[in-house]
């Protein structure tokens, strides 16, 4: 949760996990900097080596950005199960995120579903470029690809 940066020491925590495949909920990750990416990659590699399969769920937009930029952020035995889609309401100046599973977007080119503002009911705009945001889905290890 919060910011993944040089203060997390994730690589040192890999040994604290129970045996077997694990799930990691990333909904509350607000940001990850370059030091955090370094620690995350070391942690993911150690977890993969000892636990095997890792399932990432509820990936925040900050984590989706990293997954799209750096293929090694998800290691070799990591599966992205679900992620948040960011929306914005121009009328209310409010943001909102919708949780989607990778399987929900498997049929055809991924498109953000419609979203209504909880405050005013107006249609919200997807707050990213769909082609860029959904790019990781084209990677076969994340459930997409040809």
Protein backbone atom coordinates (compact mmCIF):
# COMPACT_ATOMS: atom_id res chain seq x y z
CA UNK A 1 0.00 0.00 0.00
CA UNK A 2 1.08 3.59 -0.50
CA UNK A 3 4.34 4.28 -2.26
CA UNK A 4 6.77 1.56 -3.27
CA UNK A 5 10.14 3.21 -2.98
CA UNK A 6 13.60 2.67 -1.48
CA UNK A 7 12.15 2.37 2.02
CA UNK A 8 10.14 -0.82 1.45
CA UNK A 9 12.92 -3.42 1.41
CA UNK A 10 10.67 -5.86 -0.39
CA UNK A 11 13.50 -8.22 -1.39
CA UNK A 12 14.17 -8.89 2.30
CA UNK A 13 10.53 -9.88 2.89
CA UNK A 14 10.28 -12.65 0.31
CA UNK A 15 11.13 -15.29 2.90
CA UNK A 16 8.20 -14.27 5.13
CA UNK A 17 5.57 -15.73 2.79
CA UNK A 18 3.74 -19.03 3.31
CA UNK A 19 4.57 -21.92 0.97
CA UNK A 20 2.80 -22.26 -2.36
CA UNK A 21 1.40 -19.88 -4.96
CA UNK A 22 0.50 -16.43 -3.68
CA UNK A 23 -1.81 -13.59 -4.59
CA UNK A 24 -0.78 -9.98 -4.28
CA UNK A 25 -3.44 -7.24 -4.02
CA UNK A 26 -2.03 -4.02 -5.47
CA UNK A 27 -5.14 -1.83 -5.21
CA UNK A 28 -3.61 0.57 -2.68
CA UNK A 29 -0.30 1.20 -4.47
CA UNK A 30 -0.42 4.92 -5.20
CA UNK A 31 3.01 5.25 -6.78
CA UNK A 32 6.22 3.37 -7.47
CA UNK A 33 9.54 5.09 -8.14
CA UNK A 34 12.69 3.73 -9.78
CA UNK A 35 14.11 2.50 -6.46
CA UNK A 36 10.78 0.83 -5.75
CA UNK A 37 10.83 -0.86 -9.15
CA UNK A 38 14.30 -2.22 -8.39
CA UNK A 39 13.14 -3.62 -5.04
CA UNK A 40 9.90 -4.94 -6.55
CA UNK A 41 11.78 -6.82 -9.31
CA UNK A 42 14.18 -8.37 -6.77
CA UNK A 43 11.21 -9.35 -4.58
CA UNK A 44 9.20 -10.84 -7.45
CA UNK A 45 12.21 -12.90 -8.58
CA UNK A 46 12.77 -14.28 -5.08
CA UNK A 47 9.08 -15.02 -4.62
CA UNK A 48 8.90 -16.78 -7.99
CA UNK A 49 11.95 -18.87 -7.13
CA UNK A 50 10.49 -20.01 -3.81
CA UNK A 51 6.73 -19.90 -4.32
CA UNK A 52 6.24 -20.47 -8.03
CA UNK A 53 3.13 -18.80 -9.38
CA UNK A 54 2.25 -15.25 -8.33
CA UNK A 55 -1.14 -13.71 -9.15
CA UNK A 56 -1.42 -9.93 -9.16
CA UNK A 57 -4.91 -8.63 -8.51
CA UNK A 58 -6.52 -5.20 -8.37
CA UNK A 59 -3.45 -3.59 -9.96
CA UNK A 60 -3.63 0.16 -9.42
CA UNK A 61 -3.07 2.50 -12.38
CA UNK A 62 0.44 3.15 -10.99
CA UNK A 63 1.26 -0.56 -11.20
CA UNK A 64 -0.34 -0.90 -14.65
CA UNK A 65 1.94 1.91 -15.86
CA UNK A 66 5.01 0.02 -14.60
CA UNK A 67 3.81 -3.28 -16.08
CA UNK A 68 3.38 -1.55 -19.44
CA UNK A 69 6.80 0.12 -19.31
CA UNK A 70 8.94 -2.73 -18.04
CA UNK A 71 8.19 -6.35 -18.93
CA UNK A 72 10.40 -7.67 -16.11
CA UNK A 73 8.18 -5.97 -13.47
CA UNK A 74 5.98 -9.07 -13.62
CA UNK A 75 8.75 -11.66 -13.75
CA UNK A 76 8.22 -15.00 -15.49
CA UNK A 77 5.66 -16.79 -13.31
CA UNK A 78 3.41 -13.81 -12.62
CA UNK A 79 -0.15 -13.55 -13.88
CA UNK A 80 -2.15 -10.33 -13.88
CA UNK A 81 -5.69 -11.26 -12.88
CA UNK A 82 -7.39 -7.88 -12.46
CA UNK A 83 -6.66 -4.17 -12.61
CA UNK A 84 -8.28 -0.79 -12.11
CA UNK A 85 -9.37 1.48 -14.94
CA UNK A 86 -9.18 5.22 -14.13
CA UNK A 87 -12.07 7.52 -15.07
CA UNK A 88 -12.66 11.25 -14.67
CA UNK A 89 -15.81 13.38 -14.55
CA UNK A 90 -15.29 16.81 -16.11
CA UNK A 91 -18.53 18.12 -14.60
CA UNK A 92 -17.62 17.25 -10.99
CA UNK A 93 -13.85 17.16 -11.23
CA UNK A 94 -14.05 13.70 -9.62
CA UNK A 95 -12.08 10.56 -10.33
CA UNK A 96 -13.23 6.97 -10.05
CA UNK A 97 -11.70 3.57 -10.74
CA UNK A 98 -13.43 0.44 -12.02
CA UNK A 99 -12.02 -2.99 -11.29
CA UNK A 100 -11.82 -5.27 -14.35
CA UNK A 101 -10.55 -8.79 -14.78
CA UNK A 102 -8.30 -9.66 -17.68
CA UNK A 103 -10.84 -12.28 -18.77
CA UNK A 104 -13.56 -9.60 -19.09
CA UNK A 105 -11.50 -7.90 -21.79
CA UNK A 106 -10.36 -11.04 -23.60
CA UNK A 107 -12.89 -10.85 -26.47
CA UNK A 108 -11.60 -8.48 -29.13
CA UNK A 109 -9.53 -5.35 -28.72
CA UNK A 110 -9.81 -4.07 -25.14
CA UNK A 111 -11.98 -1.01 -24.66
CA UNK A 112 -12.87 0.73 -21.43
CA UNK A 113 -16.48 0.09 -20.50
CA UNK A 114 -18.84 3.03 -19.91
CA UNK A 115 -18.72 4.52 -16.43
CA UNK A 116 -21.08 6.95 -14.72
CA UNK A 117 -20.16 9.49 -12.08
CA UNK A 118 -21.46 8.58 -8.64
CA UNK A 119 -22.00 12.23 -7.81
CA UNK A 120 -23.79 13.67 -10.85
CA UNK A 121 -24.58 10.65 -13.01
CA UNK A 122 -22.76 12.01 -16.06
CA UNK A 123 -20.75 9.76 -18.33
CA UNK A 124 -17.12 9.73 -17.22
CA UNK A 125 -14.12 9.76 -19.54
CA UNK A 126 -11.47 7.07 -19.46
CA UNK A 127 -8.48 8.90 -17.99
CA UNK A 128 -5.76 7.21 -20.07
CA UNK A 129 -5.09 6.39 -23.71
CA UNK A 130 -6.73 2.96 -24.15
CA UNK A 131 -4.04 1.63 -26.52
CA UNK A 132 -1.29 2.50 -24.07
CA UNK A 133 -3.13 1.50 -20.90
CA UNK A 134 -4.18 -1.90 -22.22
CA UNK A 135 -0.82 -2.62 -23.92
CA UNK A 136 0.20 -5.23 -21.31
CA UNK A 137 -2.79 -7.35 -22.34
CA UNK A 138 -1.02 -8.05 -25.65
CA UNK A 139 1.62 -9.98 -23.71
CA UNK A 140 0.68 -13.70 -23.64
CA UNK A 141 1.80 -14.08 -20.03
CA UNK A 142 -0.88 -11.58 -18.98
CA UNK A 143 -3.73 -13.38 -20.69
CA UNK A 144 -3.61 -11.66 -24.04
CA UNK A 145 -1.59 -11.80 -27.20
CA UNK A 146 -2.02 -13.60 -30.45
